[in-house]
Amino acid sequence: MTQSRLSDYHGSMSKQQPTIQLGKFCAALRVRPRDVRYILEEGHIPQGVAEAPNSGTHRQFSPRQAFWLAMIAKLKESGVSVPIAAKIADYSERSLRIVARNLGWDRPFAPDLGRMQTEHQYVAEIAERAYIRIGSDAAPGAGPTWVL
C-alpha cells in the first residue's frame, strides 16, 4: 500500500468513532468495489454491519470490520472462494489475537479491537486451499516463528 493510501486509511480510522466508507476502503486496498459488494451480497458481512443498509446510506466499517473484510477481499482477489476466504479470515483473526495478546508477543496490536499499529510482521500462508499457518517475527528470540 502506498504511503498516501496508508495515511488515508489511518486518517479515516483515527477519528473519535473510527470508520471507513466502502469506496475509501476499496481504494486503500486496490480492490474493486464490485468485488467487495459481491462478498457482502453473499452474506459475508462483518459482525455489527447492517445486512441491508438504508437506501442512500454508505456502508461504514470499523477498523475490526475493515480488517476482516480486507482479508476476504484480498484472498478472493487471489482466487480463493469467498466462503473459504471468510473461514480463513475468522481463523486468522482468532490466531492473531492468540499470538499478539494472549501470548503477550505484541499486546498493542489488536486488529479485532481496531488497534492496527505494530512494528512486527505477520504472515498467513495458505496451501492448496486447505492448509494455513500463521507466522510472525514478534516471537521472543531470533527470526520468524510459525505459530499456528
Protein backbone atom coordinates (compact mmCIF):
# COMPACT_ATOMS: atom_id res chain seq x y z
CA MET A 1 0.00 0.00 0.00
CA THR A 2 1.48 3.39 -0.92
CA GLN A 3 2.21 5.91 1.84
CA SER A 4 -0.64 8.24 0.79
CA ARG A 5 -3.14 5.37 0.68
CA LEU A 6 -1.88 4.15 4.03
CA SER A 7 -2.22 7.63 5.57
CA ASP A 8 -5.75 7.93 4.07
CA TYR A 9 -6.60 4.64 5.72
CA HIS A 10 -5.12 5.59 9.12
CA GLY A 11 -6.66 9.07 8.85
CA SER A 12 -10.08 7.58 8.26
CA MET A 13 -9.62 5.22 11.18
CA SER A 14 -8.28 7.70 13.76
CA LYS A 15 -11.45 9.76 14.34
CA GLN A 16 -13.32 9.51 17.61
CA GLN A 17 -15.74 6.96 16.13
CA PRO A 18 -13.37 5.40 13.58
CA THR A 19 -14.99 4.21 10.38
CA ILE A 20 -14.10 3.98 6.73
CA GLN A 21 -16.52 4.08 3.81
CA LEU A 22 -16.62 1.31 1.23
CA GLY A 23 -15.11 3.49 -1.54
CA LYS A 24 -12.09 4.59 0.53
CA PHE A 25 -11.67 1.06 1.82
CA CYS A 26 -11.53 -0.32 -1.73
CA ALA A 27 -9.15 2.42 -2.91
CA ALA A 28 -6.78 1.79 0.01
CA LEU A 29 -6.70 -1.95 -0.74
CA ARG A 30 -6.77 -1.53 -4.51
CA VAL A 31 -9.73 -3.87 -4.84
CA ARG A 32 -12.81 -3.33 -6.99
CA PRO A 33 -15.86 -2.05 -5.10
CA ARG A 34 -17.98 -4.55 -7.06
CA ASP A 35 -15.92 -7.43 -5.63
CA VAL A 36 -16.47 -6.21 -2.06
CA ARG A 37 -20.17 -5.69 -2.69
CA TYR A 38 -20.31 -9.27 -4.00
CA ILE A 39 -18.75 -10.53 -0.76
CA LEU A 40 -21.37 -8.62 1.23
CA GLU A 41 -24.22 -9.78 -1.02
CA GLU A 42 -23.14 -13.39 -0.50
CA GLY A 43 -23.80 -12.89 3.22
CA HIS A 44 -20.22 -12.50 4.42
CA ILE A 45 -20.89 -9.36 6.42
CA PRO A 46 -18.60 -8.26 9.25
CA GLN A 47 -20.16 -8.57 12.67
CA GLY A 48 -22.02 -5.37 13.55
CA VAL A 49 -22.61 -4.18 9.96
CA ALA A 50 -26.21 -3.87 8.78
CA GLU A 51 -27.14 -6.65 6.38
CA ALA A 52 -29.10 -4.25 4.17
CA PRO A 53 -28.32 -0.57 4.79
CA ASN A 54 -31.00 2.03 4.16
CA SER A 55 -31.22 3.34 0.60
CA GLY A 56 -28.66 6.09 0.05
CA THR A 57 -26.68 5.14 3.16
CA HIS A 58 -22.99 4.48 2.67
CA ARG A 59 -21.64 1.42 4.43
CA GLN A 60 -19.24 2.32 7.21
CA PHE A 61 -16.71 -0.15 8.60
CA SER A 62 -14.89 -0.05 11.93
CA PRO A 63 -11.19 -0.99 11.92
CA ARG A 64 -12.04 -4.53 13.04
CA GLN A 65 -14.72 -4.92 10.39
CA ALA A 66 -12.46 -3.47 7.70
CA PHE A 67 -9.58 -5.77 8.69
CA TRP A 68 -11.78 -8.88 8.47
CA LEU A 69 -13.32 -7.78 5.16
CA ALA A 70 -9.89 -6.87 3.76
CA MET A 71 -8.62 -10.40 4.36
CA ILE A 72 -11.57 -11.83 2.45
CA ALA A 73 -11.25 -9.31 -0.42
CA LYS A 74 -7.52 -9.98 -0.88
CA LEU A 75 -8.00 -13.75 -0.70
CA LYS A 76 -10.82 -13.55 -3.26
CA GLU A 77 -8.53 -11.50 -5.49
CA SER A 78 -6.00 -14.35 -5.21
CA GLY A 79 -8.54 -16.92 -6.37
CA VAL A 80 -9.85 -18.27 -3.07
CA SER A 81 -13.62 -18.75 -2.99
CA VAL A 82 -15.50 -16.31 -0.77
CA PRO A 83 -16.85 -18.92 1.72
CA ILE A 84 -13.36 -20.35 2.24
CA ALA A 85 -11.86 -16.83 2.44
CA ALA A 86 -14.36 -15.97 5.20
CA LYS A 87 -13.33 -19.08 7.17
CA ILE A 88 -9.66 -18.15 6.73
CA ALA A 89 -10.40 -14.60 7.91
CA ASP A 90 -12.15 -15.92 11.03
CA TYR A 91 -9.27 -18.30 11.77
CA SER A 92 -6.64 -15.63 11.14
CA GLU A 93 -8.38 -13.12 13.38
CA ARG A 94 -8.52 -15.63 16.24
CA SER A 95 -4.91 -16.66 15.64
CA LEU A 96 -3.66 -13.08 15.69
CA ARG A 97 -5.50 -12.48 18.96
CA ILE A 98 -3.84 -15.56 20.49
CA VAL A 99 -0.36 -14.66 19.27
CA ALA A 100 -0.41 -10.92 19.85
CA ARG A 101 -2.35 -10.62 23.09
CA ASN A 102 -2.82 -13.98 24.78
CA LEU A 103 0.82 -15.00 24.38
CA GLY A 104 1.87 -11.38 25.00
CA TRP A 105 4.16 -11.14 21.97
CA ASP A 106 2.67 -7.89 20.62
CA ARG A 107 -0.01 -6.66 23.04
CA PRO A 108 -0.58 -3.26 21.39
CA PHE A 109 -1.52 -4.99 18.09
CA ALA A 110 -5.18 -5.95 18.26
CA PRO A 111 -6.97 -5.83 14.88
CA ASP A 112 -10.15 -7.23 16.46
CA LEU A 113 -10.20 -4.14 18.71
CA GLY A 114 -9.22 -1.73 15.94
CA ARG A 115 -5.60 -1.28 17.08
CA MET A 116 -3.69 -1.75 13.83
CA GLN A 117 -0.24 -0.35 14.65
CA THR A 118 2.59 -2.84 15.03
CA GLU A 119 6.33 -2.93 14.50
CA HIS A 120 6.23 -6.61 13.61
CA GLN A 121 5.43 -8.63 10.51
CA TYR A 122 2.61 -11.14 10.41
CA VAL A 123 2.08 -13.65 7.61
CA ALA A 124 -0.62 -16.15 6.75
CA GLU A 125 0.36 -18.84 4.27
CA ILE A 126 -2.36 -20.83 2.56
CA ALA A 127 -1.62 -24.01 0.61
CA GLU A 128 -3.95 -25.97 -1.63
CA ARG A 129 -6.91 -24.05 -0.18
CA ALA A 130 -6.85 -26.48 2.73
CA TYR A 131 -3.87 -25.66 4.95
CA ILE A 132 -2.99 -22.43 6.70
CA ARG A 133 -0.23 -21.36 9.01
CA ILE A 134 0.37 -18.05 10.76
CA GLY A 135 3.85 -16.67 11.29
CA SER A 136 5.33 -13.63 13.00
CA ASP A 137 8.61 -12.07 13.92
CA ALA A 138 7.02 -10.88 17.20
CA ALA A 139 8.04 -14.10 18.97
CA PRO A 140 10.77 -13.92 21.57
CA GLY A 141 14.04 -14.99 20.01
CA ALA A 142 15.60 -14.52 16.60
CA GLY A 143 13.83 -14.76 13.29
CA PRO A 144 10.25 -15.50 12.27
CA THR A 145 8.31 -18.18 14.09
CA TRP A 146 5.46 -20.23 12.68
CA VAL A 147 2.95 -20.34 15.45
CA LEU A 148 -0.35 -21.82 14.32
